[in-house]
Amino acid sequence: MLVPAGSSLGVAVSGGSDSLALLVLAAEYRDAAGVSLRAITIDHGLRAEAKQEARFVSSLCETLGVTHDVVTWERAATGPASQVDARHARHALLADWAMRLGVERIALGHTRDDRLETFLMRARQGSGWHGLAGPMPNSVSPVWPEGRLMPLIRPLLAFHRDALRAELGSRGETWVEDPSNDATQFERVRMRRLLARMSPSARTKALNVMDGLMRLRASVASEALALFGRLQASGPSGDMGIPLYMRAEAGAEAWTRFVEALVMAAGGGERAPRRDALNRLLGRIAASDAQLARGVTLAGARIGLRNNAFLCFGLAPPRRDTRVANGGKAPDWSRAEALLTVPDLRVLGV
């Protein structure tokens, strides 16, 4: 479903049970579908055991006939690294590796358990419905510009971790137990322990909620992507825009996601703008605020309304003593399209 026959696939493998199961199954798929397969292990340089674990993965890859690369995170900073920093570095290194070697998409070993853990974490953080839908079966690298639209896939979202471990055991395979999985200073570990105390029925109910939100997210993404297809060039500076009447042709959530994606693409920011700031912009657009005729800025993007009828997006001019938005380059509008990727829900029903 997620990897076309004849294409190239990269697999991120840490040595844990989830990623090792992904590797073993990807090797079988390679033989059946004729895909090109390559594996990568990221050594964050934070644990002495990491190099031994990478060698363990290399040994299995050799048995499976899979080329394996180990990439080390070279940190400039000293002291402890946060999980956010490590995640950012991991995705940047994955994307760089894939683009250098012509790997077309990267597979990650997230499972049904990861979905539930993410749901609990985001619920505690007060996330909206969009975030509560959880990890997507297919998406784009979260880092920018390093990610450069690199597709990510998560083929194992329908499977529990215990089922994958049973499968590995039936094949005589072992895996690495990361000691950080027991470190309660990490929120995901605390949520994993909370999940272990939940009844099977409670987990099923949570997954049903997530499945419903995933369907909603797919519907909203489809609507927003249709709006993207109606973009028109707006002037010689590389700006793009859309007739304002098209706002009425999509639901409120689809319009919100469309505007958010256009702002991120125009401004070159890695993260979405703050929701309160985005809501203010949406309110101005809805009211045809006169200030839009002069143009307003948000997250490095310039948003304007021409002739009270055509909504335009472009790169904001740099402000003094600030970093030039997007490196001063013209917006990469294909990024907006990638941000509006429609999740392939068939993966959840395997």
C-alpha atoms as a PDB file:
ATOM      1  CA  MET A   1       0.000   0.000   0.000  1.00  0.00           C
ATOM      2  CA  LEU A   2       2.743   2.458   0.917  1.00  0.00           C
ATOM      3  CA  VAL A   3       5.700   1.262  -1.168  1.00  0.00           C
ATOM      4  CA  PRO A   4       5.224   0.889  -4.935  1.00  0.00           C
ATOM      5  CA  ALA A   5       6.869  -2.124  -6.538  1.00  0.00           C
ATOM      6  CA  GLY A   6      10.199  -1.285  -8.091  1.00  0.00           C
ATOM      7  CA  SER A   7      10.852   1.740  -5.867  1.00  0.00           C
ATOM      8  CA  SER A   8      13.597   2.282  -3.282  1.00  0.00           C
ATOM      9  CA  LEU A   9      12.925   2.050   0.442  1.00  0.00           C
ATOM     10  CA  GLY A  10      14.975   3.001   3.471  1.00  0.00           C
ATOM     11  CA  VAL A  11      14.316   1.455   6.881  1.00  0.00           C
ATOM     12  CA  ALA A  12      15.285   3.182  10.121  1.00  0.00           C
ATOM     13  CA  VAL A  13      16.472   0.483  12.538  1.00  0.00           C
ATOM     14  CA  SER A  14      17.484   1.104  16.138  1.00  0.00           C
ATOM     15  CA  GLY A  15      17.800  -2.523  17.207  1.00  0.00           C
ATOM     16  CA  GLY A  16      14.591  -2.557  19.232  1.00  0.00           C
ATOM     17  CA  SER A  17      11.849  -5.063  18.532  1.00  0.00           C
ATOM     18  CA  ASP A  18       9.620  -2.712  16.511  1.00  0.00           C
ATOM     19  CA  SER A  19      12.268  -1.597  14.040  1.00  0.00           C
ATOM     20  CA  LEU A  20      13.792  -5.081  13.760  1.00  0.00           C
ATOM     21  CA  ALA A  21      10.383  -6.509  12.887  1.00  0.00           C
ATOM     22  CA  LEU A  22      10.043  -3.764  10.292  1.00  0.00           C
ATOM     23  CA  LEU A  23      13.453  -4.688   8.839  1.00  0.00           C
ATOM     24  CA  VAL A  24      12.685  -8.408   8.628  1.00  0.00           C
ATOM     25  CA  LEU A  25       9.294  -7.807   7.021  1.00  0.00           C
ATOM     26  CA  ALA A  26      10.731  -5.200   4.630  1.00  0.00           C
ATOM     27  CA  ALA A  27      13.341  -7.735   3.494  1.00  0.00           C
ATOM     28  CA  GLU A  28      10.529 -10.162   2.669  1.00  0.00           C
ATOM     29  CA  TYR A  29       8.653  -7.449   0.809  1.00  0.00           C
ATOM     30  CA  ARG A  30      11.826  -6.585  -1.112  1.00  0.00           C
ATOM     31  CA  ASP A  31      12.015 -10.142  -2.421  1.00  0.00           C
ATOM     32  CA  ALA A  32       8.307 -10.265  -3.268  1.00  0.00           C
ATOM     33  CA  ALA A  33       7.887  -6.835  -4.876  1.00  0.00           C
ATOM     34  CA  GLY A  34      11.330  -6.101  -6.223  1.00  0.00           C
ATOM     35  CA  VAL A  35      11.985  -2.958  -4.222  1.00  0.00           C
ATOM     36  CA  SER A  36      15.467  -1.687  -3.468  1.00  0.00           C
ATOM     37  CA  LEU A  37      16.091  -1.822   0.284  1.00  0.00           C
ATOM     38  CA  ARG A  38      18.654  -0.120   2.502  1.00  0.00           C
ATOM     39  CA  ALA A  39      18.801   0.253   6.293  1.00  0.00           C
ATOM     40  CA  ILE A  40      20.159   2.976   8.546  1.00  0.00           C
ATOM     41  CA  THR A  41      20.909   3.184  12.254  1.00  0.00           C
ATOM     42  CA  ILE A  42      21.345   6.585  13.885  1.00  0.00           C
ATOM     43  CA  ASP A  43      23.882   6.679  16.705  1.00  0.00           C
ATOM     44  CA  HIS A  44      22.976   9.706  18.794  1.00  0.00           C
ATOM     45  CA  GLY A  45      26.246   9.416  20.701  1.00  0.00           C
ATOM     46  CA  LEU A  46      24.371   9.550  23.985  1.00  0.00           C
ATOM     47  CA  ARG A  47      24.894   5.970  25.205  1.00  0.00           C
ATOM     48  CA  ALA A  48      27.984   3.807  25.241  1.00  0.00           C
ATOM     49  CA  GLU A  49      25.897   0.786  24.177  1.00  0.00           C
ATOM     50  CA  ALA A  50      24.810   2.446  20.918  1.00  0.00           C
ATOM     51  CA  LYS A  51      27.814   1.308  18.902  1.00  0.00           C
ATOM     52  CA  GLN A  52      27.341  -2.297  20.001  1.00  0.00           C
ATOM     53  CA  GLU A  53      23.663  -2.098  19.107  1.00  0.00           C
ATOM     54  CA  ALA A  54      24.552  -0.752  15.650  1.00  0.00           C
ATOM     55  CA  ARG A  55      26.883  -3.718  15.141  1.00  0.00           C
ATOM     56  CA  PHE A  56      24.043  -6.034  16.161  1.00  0.00           C
ATOM     57  CA  VAL A  57      21.818  -4.490  13.475  1.00  0.00           C
ATOM     58  CA  SER A  58      24.633  -4.722  10.923  1.00  0.00           C
ATOM     59  CA  SER A  59      24.955  -8.450  11.611  1.00  0.00           C
ATOM     60  CA  LEU A  60      21.264  -9.052  10.983  1.00  0.00           C
ATOM     61  CA  CYS A  61      21.347  -6.896   7.850  1.00  0.00           C
ATOM     62  CA  GLU A  62      24.231  -8.961   6.523  1.00  0.00           C
ATOM     63  CA  THR A  63      22.185 -12.119   7.069  1.00  0.00           C
ATOM     64  CA  LEU A  64      19.221 -10.578   5.247  1.00  0.00           C
ATOM     65  CA  GLY A  65      21.333  -9.190   2.425  1.00  0.00           C
ATOM     66  CA  VAL A  66      20.479  -5.593   3.256  1.00  0.00           C
ATOM     67  CA  THR A  67      23.030  -2.781   2.968  1.00  0.00           C
ATOM     68  CA  HIS A  68      23.305  -1.076   6.341  1.00  0.00           C
ATOM     69  CA  ASP A  69      24.682   2.369   7.176  1.00  0.00           C
ATOM     70  CA  VAL A  70      25.454   3.813  10.586  1.00  0.00           C
ATOM     71  CA  VAL A  71      25.284   7.600  10.907  1.00  0.00           C
ATOM     72  CA  THR A  72      26.463   9.361  14.055  1.00  0.00           C
ATOM     73  CA  TRP A  73      24.988  12.586  15.344  1.00  0.00           C
ATOM     74  CA  GLU A  74      27.876  15.031  15.763  1.00  0.00           C
ATOM     75  CA  ARG A  75      26.636  17.439  18.396  1.00  0.00           C
ATOM     76  CA  ALA A  76      28.202  20.867  18.714  1.00  0.00           C
ATOM     77  CA  ALA A  77      26.638  21.459  22.132  1.00  0.00           C
ATOM     78  CA  THR A  78      27.808  19.898  25.359  1.00  0.00           C
ATOM     79  CA  GLY A  79      25.688  18.597  28.189  1.00  0.00           C
ATOM     80  CA  PRO A  80      22.498  16.549  28.055  1.00  0.00           C
ATOM     81  CA  ALA A  81      20.380  16.524  24.903  1.00  0.00           C
ATOM     82  CA  SER A  82      16.604  16.681  25.089  1.00  0.00           C
ATOM     83  CA  GLN A  83      14.403  14.143  23.323  1.00  0.00           C
ATOM     84  CA  VAL A  84      13.149  16.988  21.126  1.00  0.00           C
ATOM     85  CA  ASP A  85      16.721  17.783  20.030  1.00  0.00           C
ATOM     86  CA  ALA A  86      17.479  14.118  19.422  1.00  0.00           C
ATOM     87  CA  ARG A  87      14.294  13.648  17.391  1.00  0.00           C
ATOM     88  CA  HIS A  88      15.066  16.691  15.235  1.00  0.00           C
ATOM     89  CA  ALA A  89      18.614  15.509  14.626  1.00  0.00           C
ATOM     90  CA  ARG A  90      17.417  11.978  13.832  1.00  0.00           C
ATOM     91  CA  HIS A  91      14.970  13.143  11.180  1.00  0.00           C
ATOM     92  CA  ALA A  92      17.508  15.532   9.657  1.00  0.00           C
ATOM     93  CA  LEU A  93      20.119  12.771   9.422  1.00  0.00           C
ATOM     94  CA  LEU A  94      17.585  10.311   7.998  1.00  0.00           C
ATOM     95  CA  ALA A  95      16.520  12.752   5.297  1.00  0.00           C
ATOM     96  CA  ASP A  96      20.105  13.671   4.379  1.00  0.00           C
ATOM     97  CA  TRP A  97      21.058   9.980   4.141  1.00  0.00           C
ATOM     98  CA  ALA A  98      18.071   9.157   1.954  1.00  0.00           C
ATOM     99  CA  MET A  99      18.610  12.038  -0.444  1.00  0.00           C
ATOM    100  CA  ARG A 100      22.324  11.311  -0.822  1.00  0.00           C
ATOM    101  CA  LEU A 101      21.678   7.665  -1.692  1.00  0.00           C
ATOM    102  CA  GLY A 102      18.555   8.056  -3.794  1.00  0.00           C
ATOM    103  CA  VAL A 103      16.233   6.444  -1.253  1.00  0.00           C
ATOM    104  CA  GLU A 104      12.702   7.510  -2.167  1.00  0.00           C
ATOM    105  CA  ARG A 105      10.913   6.989   1.160  1.00  0.00           C
ATOM    106  CA  ILE A 106      11.787   6.037   4.734  1.00  0.00           C
ATOM    107  CA  ALA A 107       9.896   3.444   6.774  1.00  0.00           C
ATOM    108  CA  LEU A 108       9.559   3.865  10.537  1.00  0.00           C
ATOM    109  CA  GLY A 109       8.564   1.123  12.983  1.00  0.00           C
ATOM    110  CA  HIS A 110       5.736   2.832  14.862  1.00  0.00           C
ATOM    111  CA  THR A 111       3.098   0.415  16.136  1.00  0.00           C
ATOM    112  CA  ARG A 112      -0.426   0.431  17.512  1.00  0.00           C
ATOM    113  CA  ASP A 113       1.128   0.876  20.964  1.00  0.00           C
ATOM    114  CA  ASP A 114       2.885   4.030  19.744  1.00  0.00           C
ATOM    115  CA  ARG A 115      -0.462   5.341  18.552  1.00  0.00           C
ATOM    116  CA  LEU A 116      -1.954   4.899  22.019  1.00  0.00           C
ATOM    117  CA  GLU A 117       1.064   6.372  23.795  1.00  0.00           C
ATOM    118  CA  THR A 118       0.935   9.404  21.501  1.00  0.00           C
ATOM    119  CA  PHE A 119      -2.791   9.809  22.161  1.00  0.00           C
ATOM    120  CA  LEU A 120      -2.213   9.861  25.935  1.00  0.00           C
ATOM    121  CA  MET A 121       0.673  12.306  25.639  1.00  0.00           C
ATOM    122  CA  ARG A 122      -1.212  14.709  23.408  1.00  0.00           C
ATOM    123  CA  ALA A 123      -4.381  14.475  25.466  1.00  0.00           C
ATOM    124  CA  ARG A 124      -2.393  15.427  28.557  1.00  0.00           C
ATOM    125  CA  GLN A 125      -0.861  18.346  26.646  1.00  0.00           C
ATOM    126  CA  GLY A 126      -4.294  19.584  25.585  1.00  0.00           C
ATOM    127  CA  SER A 127      -3.855  18.865  21.886  1.00  0.00           C
ATOM    128  CA  GLY A 128      -6.743  19.437  19.493  1.00  0.00           C
ATOM    129  CA  TRP A 129      -8.396  16.740  17.390  1.00  0.00           C
ATOM    130  CA  HIS A 130      -5.788  17.025  14.628  1.00  0.00           C
ATOM    131  CA  GLY A 131      -2.968  15.982  16.955  1.00  0.00           C
ATOM    132  CA  LEU A 132      -5.044  13.374  18.788  1.00  0.00           C
ATOM    133  CA  ALA A 133      -5.396  11.443  15.518  1.00  0.00           C
ATOM    134  CA  GLY A 134      -1.844  10.277  16.202  1.00  0.00           C
ATOM    135  CA  PRO A 135       1.006   9.291  13.866  1.00  0.00           C
ATOM    136  CA  MET A 136       0.071   9.121  10.188  1.00  0.00           C
ATOM    137  CA  PRO A 137       0.530   6.023   7.979  1.00  0.00           C
ATOM    138  CA  ASN A 138       2.210   8.321   5.466  1.00  0.00           C
ATOM    139  CA  SER A 139       3.475  11.854   5.946  1.00  0.00           C
ATOM    140  CA  VAL A 140       6.447  14.068   5.193  1.00  0.00           C
ATOM    141  CA  SER A 141       9.625  14.606   7.206  1.00  0.00           C
ATOM    142  CA  PRO A 142       8.926  17.067  10.048  1.00  0.00           C
ATOM    143  CA  VAL A 143      12.247  18.905   9.665  1.00  0.00           C
ATOM    144  CA  TRP A 144      12.722  21.816   7.290  1.00  0.00           C
ATOM    145  CA  PRO A 145      14.635  22.581   5.182  1.00  0.00           C
ATOM    146  CA  GLU A 146      16.732  19.486   5.888  1.00  0.00           C
ATOM    147  CA  GLY A 147      13.785  17.161   5.321  1.00  0.00           C
ATOM    148  CA  ARG A 148      13.153  18.465   1.800  1.00  0.00           C
ATOM    149  CA  LEU A 149       9.741  16.795   1.454  1.00  0.00           C
ATOM    150  CA  MET A 150      11.099  13.316   2.252  1.00  0.00           C
ATOM    151  CA  PRO A 151       8.138  10.871   2.483  1.00  0.00           C
ATOM    152  CA  LEU A 152       7.817   8.867   5.706  1.00  0.00           C
ATOM    153  CA  ILE A 153       5.733   5.707   5.985  1.00  0.00           C
ATOM    154  CA  ARG A 154       4.633   3.696   9.017  1.00  0.00           C
ATOM    155  CA  PRO A 155       3.531   0.250   7.792  1.00  0.00           C
ATOM    156  CA  LEU A 156       3.116  -1.328  11.249  1.00  0.00           C
ATOM    157  CA  LEU A 157       0.469   0.933  12.799  1.00  0.00           C
ATOM    158  CA  ALA A 158      -2.090  -1.885  12.757  1.00  0.00           C
ATOM    159  CA  PHE A 159       0.060  -4.216  14.867  1.00  0.00           C
ATOM    160  CA  HIS A 160       0.706  -4.451  18.591  1.00  0.00           C
ATOM    161  CA  ARG A 161       4.280  -4.591  19.838  1.00  0.00           C
ATOM    162  CA  ASP A 162       3.647  -7.968  21.480  1.00  0.00           C
ATOM    163  CA  ALA A 163       2.535  -9.440  18.149  1.00  0.00           C
ATOM    164  CA  LEU A 164       5.700  -8.219  16.459  1.00  0.00           C
ATOM    165  CA  ARG A 165       7.861  -9.651  19.225  1.00  0.00           C
ATOM    166  CA  ALA A 166       6.065 -12.981  18.922  1.00  0.00           C
ATOM    167  CA  GLU A 167       6.764 -12.931  15.190  1.00  0.00           C
ATOM    168  CA  LEU A 168      10.451 -12.220  15.779  1.00  0.00           C
ATOM    169  CA  GLY A 169      10.601 -14.980  18.367  1.00  0.00           C
ATOM    170  CA  SER A 170       9.049 -17.477  15.961  1.00  0.00           C
ATOM    171  CA  ARG A 171      11.877 -16.666  13.546  1.00  0.00           C
ATOM    172  CA  GLY A 172      14.551 -17.082  16.204  1.00  0.00           C
ATOM    173  CA  GLU A 173      15.388 -13.382  16.234  1.00  0.00           C
ATOM    174  CA  THR A 174      16.282 -11.332  19.299  1.00  0.00           C
ATOM    175  CA  TRP A 175      16.312  -7.588  19.813  1.00  0.00           C
ATOM    176  CA  VAL A 176      17.901  -4.871  21.931  1.00  0.00           C
ATOM    177  CA  GLU A 177      16.193  -3.510  25.041  1.00  0.00           C
ATOM    178  CA  ASP A 178      16.913   0.214  25.261  1.00  0.00           C
ATOM    179  CA  PRO A 179      17.420   1.150  28.950  1.00  0.00           C
ATOM    180  CA  SER A 180      15.833   4.540  28.268  1.00  0.00           C
ATOM    181  CA  ASN A 181      12.523   2.673  27.913  1.00  0.00           C
ATOM    182  CA  ASP A 182      12.552   2.396  31.716  1.00  0.00           C
ATOM    183  CA  ALA A 183      13.587   6.014  32.360  1.00  0.00           C
ATOM    184  CA  THR A 184      10.534   7.672  33.890  1.00  0.00           C
ATOM    185  CA  GLN A 185      11.886  11.188  33.296  1.00  0.00           C
ATOM    186  CA  PHE A 186      10.671  10.721  29.728  1.00  0.00           C
ATOM    187  CA  GLU A 187       6.984  11.393  29.189  1.00  0.00           C
ATOM    188  CA  ARG A 188       6.560   8.572  26.673  1.00  0.00           C
ATOM    189  CA  VAL A 189       7.830   6.069  29.241  1.00  0.00           C
ATOM    190  CA  ARG A 190       5.337   7.354  31.797  1.00  0.00           C
ATOM    191  CA  MET A 191       2.524   7.090  29.240  1.00  0.00           C
ATOM    192  CA  ARG A 192       3.674   3.560  28.356  1.00  0.00           C
ATOM    193  CA  ARG A 193       3.317   2.561  31.999  1.00  0.00           C
ATOM    194  CA  LEU A 194      -0.092   4.195  32.179  1.00  0.00           C
ATOM    195  CA  LEU A 195      -1.109   2.319  29.049  1.00  0.00           C
ATOM    196  CA  ALA A 196      -0.043  -0.972  30.645  1.00  0.00           C
ATOM    197  CA  ARG A 197      -2.548  -0.322  33.457  1.00  0.00           C
ATOM    198  CA  MET A 198      -5.427   0.379  31.074  1.00  0.00           C
ATOM    199  CA  SER A 199      -7.940  -2.383  30.458  1.00  0.00           C
ATOM    200  CA  PRO A 200      -8.155  -3.933  26.965  1.00  0.00           C
ATOM    201  CA  SER A 201     -11.591  -2.364  26.508  1.00  0.00           C
ATOM    202  CA  ALA A 202     -10.257   1.109  27.378  1.00  0.00           C
ATOM    203  CA  ARG A 203      -7.461   0.709  24.846  1.00  0.00           C
ATOM    204  CA  THR A 204      -9.952  -0.392  22.205  1.00  0.00           C
ATOM    205  CA  LYS A 205     -12.126   2.640  22.901  1.00  0.00           C
ATOM    206  CA  ALA A 206      -9.125   4.956  22.596  1.00  0.00           C
ATOM    207  CA  LEU A 207      -8.140   3.354  19.288  1.00  0.00           C
ATOM    208  CA  ASN A 208     -11.697   3.720  18.010  1.00  0.00           C
ATOM    209  CA  VAL A 209     -11.565   7.427  18.836  1.00  0.00           C
ATOM    210  CA  MET A 210      -8.222   7.728  17.047  1.00  0.00           C
ATOM    211  CA  ASP A 211      -9.543   5.859  13.999  1.00  0.00           C
ATOM    212  CA  GLY A 212     -12.462   8.284  13.812  1.00  0.00           C
ATOM    213  CA  LEU A 213     -10.136  11.269  14.092  1.00  0.00           C
ATOM    214  CA  MET A 214      -7.872   9.740  11.447  1.00  0.00           C
ATOM    215  CA  ARG A 215     -10.836   9.465   9.071  1.00  0.00           C
ATOM    216  CA  LEU A 216     -11.703  13.079   9.820  1.00  0.00           C
ATOM    217  CA  ARG A 217      -8.111  14.097   9.190  1.00  0.00           C
ATOM    218  CA  ALA A 218      -8.124  12.258   5.847  1.00  0.00           C
ATOM    219  CA  SER A 219     -11.335  14.017   4.826  1.00  0.00           C
ATOM    220  CA  VAL A 220     -10.013  17.432   5.850  1.00  0.00           C
ATOM    221  CA  ALA A 221      -6.701  16.818   4.068  1.00  0.00           C
ATOM    222  CA  SER A 222      -8.535  15.861   0.875  1.00  0.00           C
ATOM    223  CA  GLU A 223     -10.538  19.088   0.968  1.00  0.00           C
ATOM    224  CA  ALA A 224      -7.460  21.195   1.700  1.00  0.00           C
ATOM    225  CA  LEU A 225      -5.488  19.486  -1.051  1.00  0.00           C
ATOM    226  CA  ALA A 226      -8.276  20.299  -3.513  1.00  0.00           C
ATOM    227  CA  LEU A 227      -7.886  23.971  -2.549  1.00  0.00           C
ATOM    228  CA  PHE A 228      -4.148  23.714  -3.145  1.00  0.00           C
ATOM    229  CA  GLY A 229      -4.898  22.525  -6.659  1.00  0.00           C
ATOM    230  CA  ARG A 230      -6.691  25.834  -7.321  1.00  0.00           C
ATOM    231  CA  LEU A 231      -3.696  28.054  -6.471  1.00  0.00           C
ATOM    232  CA  GLN A 232      -2.688  30.627  -9.058  1.00  0.00           C
ATOM    233  CA  ALA A 233       0.496  32.619  -9.577  1.00  0.00           C
ATOM    234  CA  SER A 234       0.214  36.106  -8.142  1.00  0.00           C
ATOM    235  CA  GLY A 235       2.724  38.520  -9.619  1.00  0.00           C
ATOM    236  CA  PRO A 236       6.362  38.117 -10.692  1.00  0.00           C
ATOM    237  CA  SER A 237       7.800  37.590  -7.195  1.00  0.00           C
ATOM    238  CA  GLY A 238       6.795  33.928  -6.887  1.00  0.00           C
ATOM    239  CA  ASP A 239       3.720  34.628  -4.778  1.00  0.00           C
ATOM    240  CA  MET A 240       0.695  32.363  -5.035  1.00  0.00           C
ATOM    241  CA  GLY A 241      -2.926  33.023  -4.294  1.00  0.00           C
ATOM    242  CA  ILE A 242      -6.487  31.834  -4.493  1.00  0.00           C
ATOM    243  CA  PRO A 243      -9.814  33.593  -5.166  1.00  0.00           C
ATOM    244  CA  LEU A 244     -11.344  34.382  -1.818  1.00  0.00           C
ATOM    245  CA  TYR A 245     -14.746  32.981  -2.759  1.00  0.00           C
ATOM    246  CA  MET A 246     -13.201  29.500  -2.672  1.00  0.00           C
ATOM    247  CA  ARG A 247     -13.126  29.797   1.087  1.00  0.00           C
ATOM    248  CA  ALA A 248     -16.834  28.937   1.011  1.00  0.00           C
ATOM    249  CA  GLU A 249     -16.145  25.758  -0.997  1.00  0.00           C
ATOM    250  CA  ALA A 250     -14.396  23.979   1.891  1.00  0.00           C
ATOM    251  CA  GLY A 251     -15.158  23.287   5.513  1.00  0.00           C
ATOM    252  CA  ALA A 252     -13.682  25.442   8.258  1.00  0.00           C
ATOM    253  CA  GLU A 253     -11.058  22.862   9.254  1.00  0.00           C
ATOM    254  CA  ALA A 254      -9.936  22.309   5.654  1.00  0.00           C
ATOM    255  CA  TRP A 255      -9.606  26.057   5.147  1.00  0.00           C
ATOM    256  CA  THR A 256      -7.590  26.334   8.350  1.00  0.00           C
ATOM    257  CA  ARG A 257      -5.177  23.563   7.286  1.00  0.00           C
ATOM    258  CA  PHE A 258      -4.846  25.062   3.815  1.00  0.00           C
ATOM    259  CA  VAL A 259      -3.957  28.518   5.132  1.00  0.00           C
ATOM    260  CA  GLU A 260      -1.587  27.018   7.710  1.00  0.00           C
ATOM    261  CA  ALA A 261       0.250  25.019   5.012  1.00  0.00           C
ATOM    262  CA  LEU A 262       0.517  28.072   2.744  1.00  0.00           C
ATOM    263  CA  VAL A 263       1.927  30.169   5.590  1.00  0.00           C
ATOM    264  CA  MET A 264       4.514  27.502   6.406  1.00  0.00           C
ATOM    265  CA  ALA A 265       5.531  27.120   2.762  1.00  0.00           C
ATOM    266  CA  ALA A 266       5.713  30.868   2.157  1.00  0.00           C
ATOM    267  CA  GLY A 267       7.620  31.670   5.342  1.00  0.00           C
ATOM    268  CA  GLY A 268       9.844  28.600   5.333  1.00  0.00           C
ATOM    269  CA  GLY A 269       9.214  27.878   9.011  1.00  0.00           C
ATOM    270  CA  GLU A 270       9.674  24.371  10.310  1.00  0.00           C
ATOM    271  CA  ARG A 271       6.773  24.482  12.719  1.00  0.00           C
ATOM    272  CA  ALA A 272       3.214  25.612  12.250  1.00  0.00           C
ATOM    273  CA  PRO A 273       2.428  29.132  13.472  1.00  0.00           C
ATOM    274  CA  ARG A 274       0.935  29.456  16.934  1.00  0.00           C
ATOM    275  CA  ARG A 275      -2.731  28.603  16.868  1.00  0.00           C
ATOM    276  CA  ASP A 276      -3.826  31.913  18.403  1.00  0.00           C
ATOM    277  CA  ALA A 277      -1.880  33.858  15.757  1.00  0.00           C
ATOM    278  CA  LEU A 278      -3.287  31.664  12.995  1.00  0.00           C
ATOM    279  CA  ASN A 279      -6.820  32.197  14.324  1.00  0.00           C
ATOM    280  CA  ARG A 280      -6.314  35.971  14.240  1.00  0.00           C
ATOM    281  CA  LEU A 281      -5.234  35.732  10.616  1.00  0.00           C
ATOM    282  CA  LEU A 282      -8.232  33.563   9.747  1.00  0.00           C
ATOM    283  CA  GLY A 283     -10.512  36.097  11.426  1.00  0.00           C
ATOM    284  CA  ARG A 284      -9.001  38.927   9.388  1.00  0.00           C
ATOM    285  CA  ILE A 285      -9.481  36.959   6.174  1.00  0.00           C
ATOM    286  CA  ALA A 286     -13.090  36.158   7.058  1.00  0.00           C
ATOM    287  CA  ALA A 287     -13.769  39.847   7.759  1.00  0.00           C
ATOM    288  CA  SER A 288     -11.837  41.072   4.680  1.00  0.00           C
ATOM    289  CA  ASP A 289      -9.879  43.250   7.105  1.00  0.00           C
ATOM    290  CA  ALA A 290      -8.663  46.420   5.401  1.00  0.00           C
ATOM    291  CA  GLN A 291      -5.171  45.813   6.763  1.00  0.00           C
ATOM    292  CA  LEU A 292      -4.884  42.816   4.446  1.00  0.00           C
ATOM    293  CA  ALA A 293      -4.853  45.212   1.498  1.00  0.00           C
ATOM    294  CA  ARG A 294      -1.484  46.458   2.801  1.00  0.00           C
ATOM    295  CA  GLY A 295      -0.371  42.953   3.749  1.00  0.00           C
ATOM    296  CA  VAL A 296       0.218  41.332   7.134  1.00  0.00           C
ATOM    297  CA  THR A 297       2.969  38.967   8.204  1.00  0.00           C
ATOM    298  CA  LEU A 298       2.944  35.690  10.097  1.00  0.00           C
ATOM    299  CA  ALA A 299       5.778  33.204  10.663  1.00  0.00           C
ATOM    300  CA  GLY A 300       7.916  34.717   7.915  1.00  0.00           C
ATOM    301  CA  ALA A 301       5.057  34.802   5.399  1.00  0.00           C
ATOM    302  CA  ARG A 302       3.299  37.814   3.902  1.00  0.00           C
ATOM    303  CA  ILE A 303      -0.449  37.494   3.437  1.00  0.00           C
ATOM    304  CA  GLY A 304      -2.435  40.044   1.468  1.00  0.00           C
ATOM    305  CA  LEU A 305      -5.836  40.577  -0.111  1.00  0.00           C
ATOM    306  CA  ARG A 306      -5.904  42.053  -3.599  1.00  0.00           C
ATOM    307  CA  ASN A 307      -9.009  43.869  -4.849  1.00  0.00           C
ATOM    308  CA  ASN A 308     -10.813  42.441  -1.818  1.00  0.00           C
ATOM    309  CA  ALA A 309     -11.150  39.205  -3.776  1.00  0.00           C
ATOM    310  CA  PHE A 310      -7.801  37.432  -4.190  1.00  0.00           C
ATOM    311  CA  LEU A 311      -5.873  36.073  -1.192  1.00  0.00           C
ATOM    312  CA  CYS A 312      -2.092  36.099  -1.770  1.00  0.00           C
ATOM    313  CA  PHE A 313       0.788  34.389   0.043  1.00  0.00           C
ATOM    314  CA  GLY A 314       4.475  35.195  -0.307  1.00  0.00           C
ATOM    315  CA  LEU A 315       7.751  35.585   1.541  1.00  0.00           C
ATOM    316  CA  ALA A 316       7.735  38.447   4.033  1.00  0.00           C
ATOM    317  CA  PRO A 317      10.475  41.057   3.638  1.00  0.00           C
ATOM    318  CA  PRO A 318      13.244  40.614   6.212  1.00  0.00           C
ATOM    319  CA  ARG A 319      13.119  42.717   9.321  1.00  0.00           C
ATOM    320  CA  ARG A 320      16.226  44.368  10.655  1.00  0.00           C
ATOM    321  CA  ASP A 321      18.272  42.276  13.104  1.00  0.00           C
ATOM    322  CA  THR A 322      16.302  39.124  12.339  1.00  0.00           C
ATOM    323  CA  ARG A 323      17.130  36.044  10.316  1.00  0.00           C
ATOM    324  CA  VAL A 324      15.966  36.334   6.729  1.00  0.00           C
ATOM    325  CA  ALA A 325      12.892  34.160   6.409  1.00  0.00           C
ATOM    326  CA  ASN A 326      13.464  30.987   4.373  1.00  0.00           C
ATOM    327  CA  GLY A 327      17.032  32.093   3.764  1.00  0.00           C
ATOM    328  CA  GLY A 328      15.692  34.769   1.441  1.00  0.00           C
ATOM    329  CA  LYS A 329      14.684  32.143  -1.118  1.00  0.00           C
ATOM    330  CA  ALA A 330      11.411  32.033  -3.010  1.00  0.00           C
ATOM    331  CA  PRO A 331       8.796  29.877  -1.272  1.00  0.00           C
ATOM    332  CA  ASP A 332       8.777  26.153  -2.004  1.00  0.00           C
ATOM    333  CA  TRP A 333       5.080  25.664  -2.676  1.00  0.00           C
ATOM    334  CA  SER A 334       5.488  21.918  -3.055  1.00  0.00           C
ATOM    335  CA  ARG A 335       6.010  21.874   0.683  1.00  0.00           C
ATOM    336  CA  ALA A 336       2.434  23.033   1.226  1.00  0.00           C
ATOM    337  CA  GLU A 337       1.230  20.167  -0.937  1.00  0.00           C
ATOM    338  CA  ALA A 338       3.334  17.710   1.089  1.00  0.00           C
ATOM    339  CA  LEU A 339       2.006  19.092   4.381  1.00  0.00           C
ATOM    340  CA  LEU A 340      -1.506  18.310   3.139  1.00  0.00           C
ATOM    341  CA  THR A 341      -0.716  14.623   2.514  1.00  0.00           C
ATOM    342  CA  VAL A 342      -3.838  12.483   2.750  1.00  0.00           C
ATOM    343  CA  PRO A 343      -3.260   9.517   5.101  1.00  0.00           C
ATOM    344  CA  ASP A 344      -3.724   6.063   3.587  1.00  0.00           C
ATOM    345  CA  LEU A 345      -6.178   4.571   6.068  1.00  0.00           C
ATOM    346  CA  ARG A 346      -6.042   1.122   4.495  1.00  0.00           C
ATOM    347  CA  VAL A 347      -2.888   0.537   6.551  1.00  0.00           C
ATOM    348  CA  LEU A 348      -4.907   0.639   9.766  1.00  0.00           C
ATOM    349  CA  GLY A 349      -7.210  -2.160   8.650  1.00  0.00           C
ATOM    350  CA  VAL A 350      -4.578  -4.795   7.878  1.00  0.00           C
END
